[in-house]
Every structure is written in structure tokens, then in C-alpha cells.
Amino acid sequence: MKVGISTACLYPALLEKSLERLLTLGFRHFEFFFNTVSELEPVYVRKLARMLQDYGATAKSVHPFTSGYESFLLFSGYERRFQDTLEFYKHYFEAANILGATLLVLHGQRMDKQGDMEECDYFEHYHRLLETGRHFGITVAQENVNKFRSSSPTFLEHMRSYLHKDCAFVLDIKQSVRAGHSPFETCAAMGDQLIHVHINDNCAGKTCLLPGSGAMDYRRLMHQLAEQHFHGDCMIEVYRHSFGSVQELLQAKRVTENLQQQFTRIADHSS
């Protein structure tokens, strides 16, 4: 397991400025949150890739700026729009290739739009996007997101049952808490198809804190991840208003690096 950080932590700073600041702080593994269509231009993405190369850093994942529109773009009954969106998402996959990333994070369909599509049709649309990504060497992973269908552990279990090994998941701790579900329940629903974690913390009245700033039982989570044969990475992902000084990210970095060591010991002992 490697640990890193999402560029979204410094939003709304420009993507390249966020990356530069995080690199100078010592981060070396990244999730890239694209914020607009011009940031998918190959010339621009190659600039980001050179920044990574200059610091000996790596990219693991990309996050589409169209996540909030996936109900309309990917998970409605209008087939032509779905086909057009599959073509558009190839730009994300191509950007991921340039960066060396291997994963795209999917939000999916909002709960208030679920009447537009039966579960099995949702799973089939997801699978077609998954297959499109695979042609580029990219895995499309469903994230649990508050107010989206994926917030429900039962929905995630149904997805895994329907698609078997032909699916992948991202666990986001804060999104599970905001949806009123235990992160451990959500994690369990994803099973061994969980391949990526957005790590953050929480406490009573606060759902999104930097790792180590709340009451999250990380030891329990590390044990559960090991039991589920987790082989992915953990990315710090919070909002800019979740912390004060950018220097606070360094303490969160130390916390996640300690968790990485803890997970390695647990996994080695279990094998």
C-alpha cells in the first residue's frame, strides 16, 4: 500500500499550483482532480507529468470534473448521450496514461435520479465504461458518495454480486459518515474489489478532517483492509476548509505513513 494525496485538497487553487505546492511539501504520490476541459489537453497534462518526473513522483488516479453530472451523462436512459459520454471519457483515460495513473474515480448516479434507471441497467452502463477504460489500461472504480446510489452498502453489495470480479471500488471515509453509514460497513460491502481509499478523519459534528485530527479507528480499518486482501493505495482527500495552514498537511502525511507501516505489518502477519 502506498500513501499520497489528492490535488483537490488545495482546491480552488489551479491544478498545477496545487501540484507544485504539494510536491514542495514532500508528497510523492497523487490523485489528480481535473477541474475543467482545458486541463485534459495533452500539452497541459504533459506539463503535469514533467512536474512529477522532476520530483521522482507518481500518479495513481484521476478524478473527473464531470462527476456531478454523471447521472445525466452516463446513467440515464438516453443511449446516444451515453455513447457520446463514453467517447468524452476517453480524454480522461488518455490524460491518465500521460500521467502514469491507472485508475479513474466514478461517482455515478444521484439518489434523486435513480428512477431513471434500474439497478441492473446501472451496472451494465458501469461495465461498458469499465471496458472502455480497460482499452487504455485504466480501471474505473465506483466510489461511495453521499446522496448518490453508491452511498448504500446494499447497492454496493448488489453491484458486486451482479458483476462479480468485473467491478472495482473506492472507499471514501467521509462520504460514508455523511451518508449515515459506518465506514467499516461500506468497506465490507466492497469486499476484495476495493482497490483505492480516500482517507480522512471525523469526530462528532465534523465529517471531514485531516487524518489524525479526529476519532477514526484506523487500526480497525487497517485490519479490515488486510482481511479483505486490499492491494491498493490510500490518498488523503479533504476540502480546503478542513484545515488551516497548509503545513498541517505534513502532520497528516506522517499519520498516513504510519498507517502504511501498520498495514504492512498486519498484512505480513496475516499471510
C-alpha atoms as a PDB file:
ATOM      1  CA  MET A   1       0.000   0.000   0.000  1.00  0.00           C
ATOM      2  CA  LYS A   2       1.299   3.447  -0.960  1.00  0.00           C
ATOM      3  CA  VAL A   3       0.007   6.679   0.541  1.00  0.00           C
ATOM      4  CA  GLY A   4      -0.452  10.012  -1.184  1.00  0.00           C
ATOM      5  CA  ILE A   5      -2.753  12.976  -1.574  1.00  0.00           C
ATOM      6  CA  SER A   6      -5.402  14.391  -3.887  1.00  0.00           C
ATOM      7  CA  THR A   7      -4.791  17.724  -5.573  1.00  0.00           C
ATOM      8  CA  ALA A   8      -8.399  18.501  -4.573  1.00  0.00           C
ATOM      9  CA  CYS A   9      -7.153  19.253  -1.046  1.00  0.00           C
ATOM     10  CA  LEU A  10      -5.986  22.678  -2.233  1.00  0.00           C
ATOM     11  CA  TYR A  11      -8.986  23.497  -4.472  1.00  0.00           C
ATOM     12  CA  PRO A  12      -9.747  26.125  -5.779  1.00  0.00           C
ATOM     13  CA  ALA A  13      -6.036  26.744  -6.380  1.00  0.00           C
ATOM     14  CA  LEU A  14      -5.154  25.994 -10.003  1.00  0.00           C
ATOM     15  CA  LEU A  15      -4.279  22.352 -10.543  1.00  0.00           C
ATOM     16  CA  GLU A  16      -0.637  22.959 -11.461  1.00  0.00           C
ATOM     17  CA  LYS A  17      -0.225  25.303  -8.473  1.00  0.00           C
ATOM     18  CA  SER A  18      -1.718  22.695  -6.149  1.00  0.00           C
ATOM     19  CA  LEU A  19       0.613  20.044  -7.505  1.00  0.00           C
ATOM     20  CA  GLU A  20       3.653  22.327  -7.172  1.00  0.00           C
ATOM     21  CA  ARG A  21       2.832  23.153  -3.543  1.00  0.00           C
ATOM     22  CA  LEU A  22       2.228  19.530  -2.606  1.00  0.00           C
ATOM     23  CA  LEU A  23       5.453  18.434  -4.288  1.00  0.00           C
ATOM     24  CA  THR A  24       7.460  21.047  -2.379  1.00  0.00           C
ATOM     25  CA  LEU A  25       5.843  19.830   0.853  1.00  0.00           C
ATOM     26  CA  GLY A  26       7.250  16.368   0.161  1.00  0.00           C
ATOM     27  CA  PHE A  27       4.300  14.449  -1.272  1.00  0.00           C
ATOM     28  CA  ARG A  28       5.268  11.970  -3.974  1.00  0.00           C
ATOM     29  CA  HIS A  29       2.089  10.053  -4.889  1.00  0.00           C
ATOM     30  CA  PHE A  30      -1.033  11.724  -6.266  1.00  0.00           C
ATOM     31  CA  GLU A  31      -4.642  11.655  -7.303  1.00  0.00           C
ATOM     32  CA  PHE A  32      -5.337  14.350  -9.902  1.00  0.00           C
ATOM     33  CA  PHE A  33      -8.673  16.131  -9.714  1.00  0.00           C
ATOM     34  CA  PHE A  34      -9.266  17.741 -13.112  1.00  0.00           C
ATOM     35  CA  ASN A  35     -11.422  20.848 -12.857  1.00  0.00           C
ATOM     36  CA  THR A  36     -12.197  21.891 -16.438  1.00  0.00           C
ATOM     37  CA  VAL A  37     -11.966  20.662 -20.002  1.00  0.00           C
ATOM     38  CA  SER A  38      -8.779  22.574 -20.927  1.00  0.00           C
ATOM     39  CA  GLU A  39      -6.907  20.618 -18.254  1.00  0.00           C
ATOM     40  CA  LEU A  40      -7.395  17.495 -20.353  1.00  0.00           C
ATOM     41  CA  GLU A  41      -5.408  18.914 -23.256  1.00  0.00           C
ATOM     42  CA  PRO A  42      -2.333  16.690 -23.828  1.00  0.00           C
ATOM     43  CA  VAL A  43       0.053  19.672 -23.845  1.00  0.00           C
ATOM     44  CA  TYR A  44      -1.151  20.686 -20.390  1.00  0.00           C
ATOM     45  CA  VAL A  45      -1.174  17.147 -18.992  1.00  0.00           C
ATOM     46  CA  ARG A  46       2.380  16.580 -20.221  1.00  0.00           C
ATOM     47  CA  LYS A  47       3.378  19.677 -18.221  1.00  0.00           C
ATOM     48  CA  LEU A  48       1.954  17.999 -15.101  1.00  0.00           C
ATOM     49  CA  ALA A  49       3.753  14.767 -15.978  1.00  0.00           C
ATOM     50  CA  ARG A  50       7.075  16.621 -16.252  1.00  0.00           C
ATOM     51  CA  MET A  51       6.491  18.119 -12.808  1.00  0.00           C
ATOM     52  CA  LEU A  52       6.056  14.619 -11.422  1.00  0.00           C
ATOM     53  CA  GLN A  53       9.169  13.426 -13.197  1.00  0.00           C
ATOM     54  CA  ASP A  54      11.253  16.305 -11.861  1.00  0.00           C
ATOM     55  CA  TYR A  55      10.451  15.232  -8.297  1.00  0.00           C
ATOM     56  CA  GLY A  56      10.512  11.469  -8.840  1.00  0.00           C
ATOM     57  CA  ALA A  57       6.795  11.420  -8.033  1.00  0.00           C
ATOM     58  CA  THR A  58       3.977   9.200  -9.333  1.00  0.00           C
ATOM     59  CA  ALA A  59       0.263   9.386 -10.145  1.00  0.00           C
ATOM     60  CA  LYS A  60      -2.206   6.708  -9.172  1.00  0.00           C
ATOM     61  CA  SER A  61      -5.643   8.063 -10.037  1.00  0.00           C
ATOM     62  CA  VAL A  62      -7.675  10.750 -11.785  1.00  0.00           C
ATOM     63  CA  HIS A  63     -10.994  12.274 -10.791  1.00  0.00           C
ATOM     64  CA  PRO A  64     -13.325  13.754 -13.467  1.00  0.00           C
ATOM     65  CA  PHE A  65     -14.741  17.266 -13.125  1.00  0.00           C
ATOM     66  CA  THR A  66     -17.913  15.815 -14.676  1.00  0.00           C
ATOM     67  CA  SER A  67     -18.588  13.660 -11.598  1.00  0.00           C
ATOM     68  CA  GLY A  68     -21.526  15.826 -10.606  1.00  0.00           C
ATOM     69  CA  TYR A  69     -23.174  15.288 -14.000  1.00  0.00           C
ATOM     70  CA  GLU A  70     -22.761  11.525 -14.332  1.00  0.00           C
ATOM     71  CA  SER A  71     -26.461  10.967 -13.576  1.00  0.00           C
ATOM     72  CA  PHE A  72     -27.234  12.855 -16.775  1.00  0.00           C
ATOM     73  CA  LEU A  73     -24.215  11.828 -18.864  1.00  0.00           C
ATOM     74  CA  LEU A  74     -23.761   8.142 -18.030  1.00  0.00           C
ATOM     75  CA  PHE A  75     -26.747   6.879 -16.078  1.00  0.00           C
ATOM     76  CA  SER A  76     -29.902   7.901 -17.892  1.00  0.00           C
ATOM     77  CA  GLY A  77     -31.992   6.091 -20.459  1.00  0.00           C
ATOM     78  CA  TYR A  78     -30.798   8.249 -23.366  1.00  0.00           C
ATOM     79  CA  GLU A  79     -28.457   5.926 -25.245  1.00  0.00           C
ATOM     80  CA  ARG A  80     -26.881   8.427 -27.657  1.00  0.00           C
ATOM     81  CA  ARG A  81     -25.801  10.725 -24.824  1.00  0.00           C
ATOM     82  CA  PHE A  82     -24.290   7.724 -23.039  1.00  0.00           C
ATOM     83  CA  GLN A  83     -22.343   6.774 -26.173  1.00  0.00           C
ATOM     84  CA  ASP A  84     -21.105  10.338 -26.597  1.00  0.00           C
ATOM     85  CA  THR A  85     -20.008  10.419 -22.961  1.00  0.00           C
ATOM     86  CA  LEU A  86     -18.078   7.176 -23.351  1.00  0.00           C
ATOM     87  CA  GLU A  87     -16.166   8.957 -26.111  1.00  0.00           C
ATOM     88  CA  PHE A  88     -15.600  12.027 -23.929  1.00  0.00           C
ATOM     89  CA  TYR A  89     -14.283   9.942 -21.020  1.00  0.00           C
ATOM     90  CA  LYS A  90     -11.540   8.698 -23.318  1.00  0.00           C
ATOM     91  CA  HIS A  91      -9.959  12.130 -22.761  1.00  0.00           C
ATOM     92  CA  TYR A  92      -9.690  11.300 -19.048  1.00  0.00           C
ATOM     93  CA  PHE A  93      -8.196   7.905 -19.846  1.00  0.00           C
ATOM     94  CA  GLU A  94      -5.675   9.471 -22.218  1.00  0.00           C
ATOM     95  CA  ALA A  95      -4.728  12.048 -19.573  1.00  0.00           C
ATOM     96  CA  ALA A  96      -4.304   9.250 -17.041  1.00  0.00           C
ATOM     97  CA  ASN A  97      -1.986   7.461 -19.473  1.00  0.00           C
ATOM     98  CA  ILE A  98       0.201  10.539 -19.837  1.00  0.00           C
ATOM     99  CA  LEU A  99       0.449  10.894 -16.060  1.00  0.00           C
ATOM    100  CA  GLY A 100       1.042   7.192 -15.489  1.00  0.00           C
ATOM    101  CA  ALA A 101      -2.168   6.804 -13.472  1.00  0.00           C
ATOM    102  CA  THR A 102      -4.148   3.556 -13.614  1.00  0.00           C
ATOM    103  CA  LEU A 103      -7.491   4.406 -12.001  1.00  0.00           C
ATOM    104  CA  LEU A 104     -10.466   6.704 -12.613  1.00  0.00           C
ATOM    105  CA  VAL A 105     -12.857   7.522  -9.769  1.00  0.00           C
ATOM    106  CA  LEU A 106     -16.588   7.349 -10.587  1.00  0.00           C
ATOM    107  CA  HIS A 107     -19.417   8.971  -8.616  1.00  0.00           C
ATOM    108  CA  GLY A 108     -22.308   7.575 -10.651  1.00  0.00           C
ATOM    109  CA  GLN A 109     -25.986   8.428 -10.255  1.00  0.00           C
ATOM    110  CA  ARG A 110     -27.611  10.601  -7.618  1.00  0.00           C
ATOM    111  CA  MET A 111     -30.339   9.061  -5.473  1.00  0.00           C
ATOM    112  CA  ASP A 112     -32.905  11.605  -6.652  1.00  0.00           C
ATOM    113  CA  LYS A 113     -32.299  10.420 -10.250  1.00  0.00           C
ATOM    114  CA  GLN A 114     -32.442   6.694  -9.622  1.00  0.00           C
ATOM    115  CA  GLY A 115     -35.947   6.414 -11.035  1.00  0.00           C
ATOM    116  CA  ASP A 116     -34.364   6.863 -14.468  1.00  0.00           C
ATOM    117  CA  MET A 117     -32.559   3.533 -14.342  1.00  0.00           C
ATOM    118  CA  GLU A 118     -32.974   0.077 -12.811  1.00  0.00           C
ATOM    119  CA  GLU A 119     -30.056  -1.322 -10.831  1.00  0.00           C
ATOM    120  CA  CYS A 120     -29.159  -3.888 -13.492  1.00  0.00           C
ATOM    121  CA  ASP A 121     -29.086  -1.177 -16.177  1.00  0.00           C
ATOM    122  CA  TYR A 122     -26.837   0.955 -13.976  1.00  0.00           C
ATOM    123  CA  PHE A 123     -24.456  -1.982 -13.575  1.00  0.00           C
ATOM    124  CA  GLU A 124     -24.442  -2.594 -17.334  1.00  0.00           C
ATOM    125  CA  HIS A 125     -23.640   1.059 -18.063  1.00  0.00           C
ATOM    126  CA  TYR A 126     -20.856   0.974 -15.484  1.00  0.00           C
ATOM    127  CA  HIS A 127     -19.475  -2.181 -17.078  1.00  0.00           C
ATOM    128  CA  ARG A 128     -19.390  -0.590 -20.524  1.00  0.00           C
ATOM    129  CA  LEU A 129     -17.452   2.355 -19.086  1.00  0.00           C
ATOM    130  CA  LEU A 130     -15.161  -0.106 -17.296  1.00  0.00           C
ATOM    131  CA  GLU A 131     -14.478  -1.922 -20.558  1.00  0.00           C
ATOM    132  CA  THR A 132     -13.776   1.368 -22.340  1.00  0.00           C
ATOM    133  CA  GLY A 133     -11.250   2.287 -19.679  1.00  0.00           C
ATOM    134  CA  ARG A 134      -9.585  -1.105 -19.891  1.00  0.00           C
ATOM    135  CA  HIS A 135      -8.672  -0.446 -23.515  1.00  0.00           C
ATOM    136  CA  PHE A 136      -6.473   2.349 -22.133  1.00  0.00           C
ATOM    137  CA  GLY A 137      -5.180   0.312 -19.196  1.00  0.00           C
ATOM    138  CA  ILE A 138      -7.378   2.275 -16.766  1.00  0.00           C
ATOM    139  CA  THR A 139      -9.681   0.785 -14.141  1.00  0.00           C
ATOM    140  CA  VAL A 140     -12.935   2.660 -13.487  1.00  0.00           C
ATOM    141  CA  ALA A 141     -13.726   2.359  -9.779  1.00  0.00           C
ATOM    142  CA  GLN A 142     -17.071   3.182  -8.176  1.00  0.00           C
ATOM    143  CA  GLU A 143     -16.763   5.464  -5.147  1.00  0.00           C
ATOM    144  CA  ASN A 144     -19.286   5.580  -2.309  1.00  0.00           C
ATOM    145  CA  VAL A 145     -20.686   9.132  -2.396  1.00  0.00           C
ATOM    146  CA  ASN A 146     -23.250  10.744  -0.122  1.00  0.00           C
ATOM    147  CA  LYS A 147     -26.633  11.362  -1.839  1.00  0.00           C
ATOM    148  CA  PHE A 148     -25.633   9.012  -4.660  1.00  0.00           C
ATOM    149  CA  ARG A 149     -26.848   5.445  -5.145  1.00  0.00           C
ATOM    150  CA  SER A 150     -23.361   4.278  -4.275  1.00  0.00           C
ATOM    151  CA  SER A 151     -23.745   5.629  -0.728  1.00  0.00           C
ATOM    152  CA  SER A 152     -25.728   2.494   0.157  1.00  0.00           C
ATOM    153  CA  PRO A 153     -23.734  -0.575   1.234  1.00  0.00           C
ATOM    154  CA  THR A 154     -26.620  -2.695  -0.041  1.00  0.00           C
ATOM    155  CA  PHE A 155     -26.285  -1.140  -3.507  1.00  0.00           C
ATOM    156  CA  LEU A 156     -22.549  -1.861  -3.477  1.00  0.00           C
ATOM    157  CA  GLU A 157     -23.217  -5.464  -2.470  1.00  0.00           C
ATOM    158  CA  HIS A 158     -25.721  -5.827  -5.320  1.00  0.00           C
ATOM    159  CA  MET A 159     -23.191  -4.341  -7.735  1.00  0.00           C
ATOM    160  CA  ARG A 160     -20.523  -6.813  -6.647  1.00  0.00           C
ATOM    161  CA  SER A 161     -22.986  -9.709  -6.802  1.00  0.00           C
ATOM    162  CA  TYR A 162     -24.136  -8.739 -10.319  1.00  0.00           C
ATOM    163  CA  LEU A 163     -20.704  -8.059 -11.805  1.00  0.00           C
ATOM    164  CA  HIS A 164     -18.642 -10.486  -9.686  1.00  0.00           C
ATOM    165  CA  LYS A 165     -14.953  -9.670 -10.283  1.00  0.00           C
ATOM    166  CA  ASP A 166     -15.813  -7.247 -13.085  1.00  0.00           C
ATOM    167  CA  CYS A 167     -16.019  -4.178 -10.853  1.00  0.00           C
ATOM    168  CA  ALA A 168     -13.844  -2.068  -8.574  1.00  0.00           C
ATOM    169  CA  PHE A 169     -14.484   0.290  -5.675  1.00  0.00           C
ATOM    170  CA  VAL A 170     -13.116   3.377  -3.930  1.00  0.00           C
ATOM    171  CA  LEU A 171     -13.828   3.778  -0.213  1.00  0.00           C
ATOM    172  CA  ASP A 172     -14.205   7.371   0.972  1.00  0.00           C
ATOM    173  CA  ILE A 173     -14.475   7.543   4.772  1.00  0.00           C
ATOM    174  CA  LYS A 174     -16.079  10.995   4.977  1.00  0.00           C
ATOM    175  CA  GLN A 175     -18.689  10.154   2.342  1.00  0.00           C
ATOM    176  CA  SER A 176     -19.728   7.077   4.299  1.00  0.00           C
ATOM    177  CA  VAL A 177     -20.047   9.073   7.528  1.00  0.00           C
ATOM    178  CA  ARG A 178     -22.050  11.806   5.787  1.00  0.00           C
ATOM    179  CA  ALA A 179     -24.427   9.204   4.391  1.00  0.00           C
ATOM    180  CA  GLY A 180     -25.026   7.827   7.889  1.00  0.00           C
ATOM    181  CA  HIS A 181     -23.175   4.559   7.360  1.00  0.00           C
ATOM    182  CA  SER A 182     -20.233   3.111   9.212  1.00  0.00           C
ATOM    183  CA  PRO A 183     -17.087   3.223   7.055  1.00  0.00           C
ATOM    184  CA  PHE A 184     -16.466  -0.361   8.120  1.00  0.00           C
ATOM    185  CA  GLU A 185     -19.867  -1.443   6.796  1.00  0.00           C
ATOM    186  CA  THR A 186     -19.199   0.322   3.497  1.00  0.00           C
ATOM    187  CA  CYS A 187     -15.729  -1.204   3.328  1.00  0.00           C
ATOM    188  CA  ALA A 188     -17.136  -4.690   3.930  1.00  0.00           C
ATOM    189  CA  ALA A 189     -19.718  -4.236   1.166  1.00  0.00           C
ATOM    190  CA  MET A 190     -16.887  -3.596  -1.301  1.00  0.00           C
ATOM    191  CA  GLY A 191     -15.113  -6.821  -0.373  1.00  0.00           C
ATOM    192  CA  ASP A 192     -11.957  -7.745  -2.215  1.00  0.00           C
ATOM    193  CA  GLN A 193     -12.962  -5.480  -5.108  1.00  0.00           C
ATOM    194  CA  LEU A 194     -11.929  -2.454  -3.031  1.00  0.00           C
ATOM    195  CA  ILE A 195      -8.822  -1.045  -4.741  1.00  0.00           C
ATOM    196  CA  HIS A 196      -8.466   2.552  -3.512  1.00  0.00           C
ATOM    197  CA  VAL A 197      -9.142   4.578  -0.348  1.00  0.00           C
ATOM    198  CA  HIS A 198      -9.777   8.279   0.191  1.00  0.00           C
ATOM    199  CA  ILE A 199      -8.531   8.631   3.721  1.00  0.00           C
ATOM    200  CA  ASN A 200      -9.701  11.347   6.100  1.00  0.00           C
ATOM    201  CA  ASP A 201     -10.955  11.640   9.672  1.00  0.00           C
ATOM    202  CA  ASN A 202     -14.064  12.630  11.574  1.00  0.00           C
ATOM    203  CA  CYS A 203     -15.495  13.225  15.020  1.00  0.00           C
ATOM    204  CA  ALA A 204     -18.826  14.256  16.494  1.00  0.00           C
ATOM    205  CA  GLY A 205     -20.189  17.122  14.417  1.00  0.00           C
ATOM    206  CA  LYS A 206     -17.291  17.104  11.933  1.00  0.00           C
ATOM    207  CA  THR A 207     -17.329  14.719   8.984  1.00  0.00           C
ATOM    208  CA  CYS A 208     -14.177  15.786   7.139  1.00  0.00           C
ATOM    209  CA  LEU A 209     -10.880  16.252   8.957  1.00  0.00           C
ATOM    210  CA  LEU A 210      -7.275  15.526   8.116  1.00  0.00           C
ATOM    211  CA  PRO A 211      -6.115  12.026   9.095  1.00  0.00           C
ATOM    212  CA  GLY A 212      -5.169  12.019  12.766  1.00  0.00           C
ATOM    213  CA  SER A 213      -7.363  15.009  13.640  1.00  0.00           C
ATOM    214  CA  GLY A 214     -10.470  13.069  14.674  1.00  0.00           C
ATOM    215  CA  ALA A 215     -11.658   9.850  16.246  1.00  0.00           C
ATOM    216  CA  MET A 216     -11.476   7.394  13.316  1.00  0.00           C
ATOM    217  CA  ASP A 217     -10.425   3.890  14.384  1.00  0.00           C
ATOM    218  CA  TYR A 218      -7.660   3.439  11.834  1.00  0.00           C
ATOM    219  CA  ARG A 219      -6.267   0.319  13.491  1.00  0.00           C
ATOM    220  CA  ARG A 220      -9.590  -1.415  12.919  1.00  0.00           C
ATOM    221  CA  LEU A 221      -9.637  -0.170   9.330  1.00  0.00           C
ATOM    222  CA  MET A 222      -6.106  -1.441   8.636  1.00  0.00           C
ATOM    223  CA  HIS A 223      -7.058  -4.869   9.985  1.00  0.00           C
ATOM    224  CA  GLN A 224     -10.208  -4.920   7.863  1.00  0.00           C
ATOM    225  CA  LEU A 225      -8.323  -3.886   4.729  1.00  0.00           C
ATOM    226  CA  ALA A 226      -5.820  -6.690   5.321  1.00  0.00           C
ATOM    227  CA  GLU A 227      -8.644  -9.202   5.835  1.00  0.00           C
ATOM    228  CA  GLN A 228     -10.173  -8.059   2.523  1.00  0.00           C
ATOM    229  CA  HIS A 229      -6.828  -8.579   0.747  1.00  0.00           C
ATOM    230  CA  PHE A 230      -6.515  -4.897  -0.101  1.00  0.00           C
ATOM    231  CA  HIS A 231      -3.739  -4.144  -2.593  1.00  0.00           C
ATOM    232  CA  GLY A 232      -4.484  -0.506  -3.377  1.00  0.00           C
ATOM    233  CA  ASP A 233      -3.355   2.893  -2.136  1.00  0.00           C
ATOM    234  CA  CYS A 234      -4.630   5.461   0.367  1.00  0.00           C
ATOM    235  CA  MET A 235      -4.971   9.080  -0.725  1.00  0.00           C
ATOM    236  CA  ILE A 236      -5.529  11.950   1.702  1.00  0.00           C
ATOM    237  CA  GLU A 237      -8.654  13.712   0.441  1.00  0.00           C
ATOM    238  CA  VAL A 238     -10.239  16.563   2.353  1.00  0.00           C
ATOM    239  CA  TYR A 239     -11.602  20.006   1.492  1.00  0.00           C
ATOM    240  CA  ARG A 240      -9.513  23.155   1.753  1.00  0.00           C
ATOM    241  CA  HIS A 241     -11.719  24.425   4.587  1.00  0.00           C
ATOM    242  CA  SER A 242     -10.981  21.230   6.536  1.00  0.00           C
ATOM    243  CA  PHE A 243      -7.650  22.622   7.758  1.00  0.00           C
ATOM    244  CA  GLY A 244      -5.927  25.948   8.389  1.00  0.00           C
ATOM    245  CA  SER A 245      -2.283  26.148   7.407  1.00  0.00           C
ATOM    246  CA  VAL A 246      -1.037  24.050   4.501  1.00  0.00           C
ATOM    247  CA  GLN A 247       1.715  22.916   6.889  1.00  0.00           C
ATOM    248  CA  GLU A 248      -0.938  20.843   8.675  1.00  0.00           C
ATOM    249  CA  LEU A 249      -0.803  18.510   5.673  1.00  0.00           C
ATOM    250  CA  LEU A 250       2.667  17.435   6.811  1.00  0.00           C
ATOM    251  CA  GLN A 251       1.289  16.005  10.057  1.00  0.00           C
ATOM    252  CA  ALA A 252      -1.428  14.212   8.083  1.00  0.00           C
ATOM    253  CA  LYS A 253       1.332  12.844   5.832  1.00  0.00           C
ATOM    254  CA  ARG A 254       3.151  11.423   8.858  1.00  0.00           C
ATOM    255  CA  VAL A 255      -0.087   9.875  10.139  1.00  0.00           C
ATOM    256  CA  THR A 256      -0.795   8.124   6.845  1.00  0.00           C
ATOM    257  CA  GLU A 257       2.811   6.945   6.531  1.00  0.00           C
ATOM    258  CA  ASN A 258       2.498   5.385   9.996  1.00  0.00           C
ATOM    259  CA  LEU A 259      -0.726   3.716   8.871  1.00  0.00           C
ATOM    260  CA  GLN A 260       1.091   2.387   5.814  1.00  0.00           C
ATOM    261  CA  GLN A 261       3.690   0.770   8.057  1.00  0.00           C
ATOM    262  CA  GLN A 262       0.974  -0.586  10.352  1.00  0.00           C
ATOM    263  CA  PHE A 263      -0.920  -2.082   7.423  1.00  0.00           C
ATOM    264  CA  THR A 264       2.236  -3.730   6.089  1.00  0.00           C
ATOM    265  CA  ARG A 265       2.898  -5.385   9.455  1.00  0.00           C
ATOM    266  CA  ILE A 266      -0.696  -6.599   9.722  1.00  0.00           C
ATOM    267  CA  ALA A 267      -0.781  -7.901   6.144  1.00  0.00           C
ATOM    268  CA  ASP A 268       2.561  -9.660   6.515  1.00  0.00           C
ATOM    269  CA  HIS A 269       1.425 -11.305   9.757  1.00  0.00           C
ATOM    270  CA  SER A 270      -1.817 -12.444   8.114  1.00  0.00           C
ATOM    271  CA  SER A 271      -0.158 -14.016   5.071  1.00  0.00           C
END
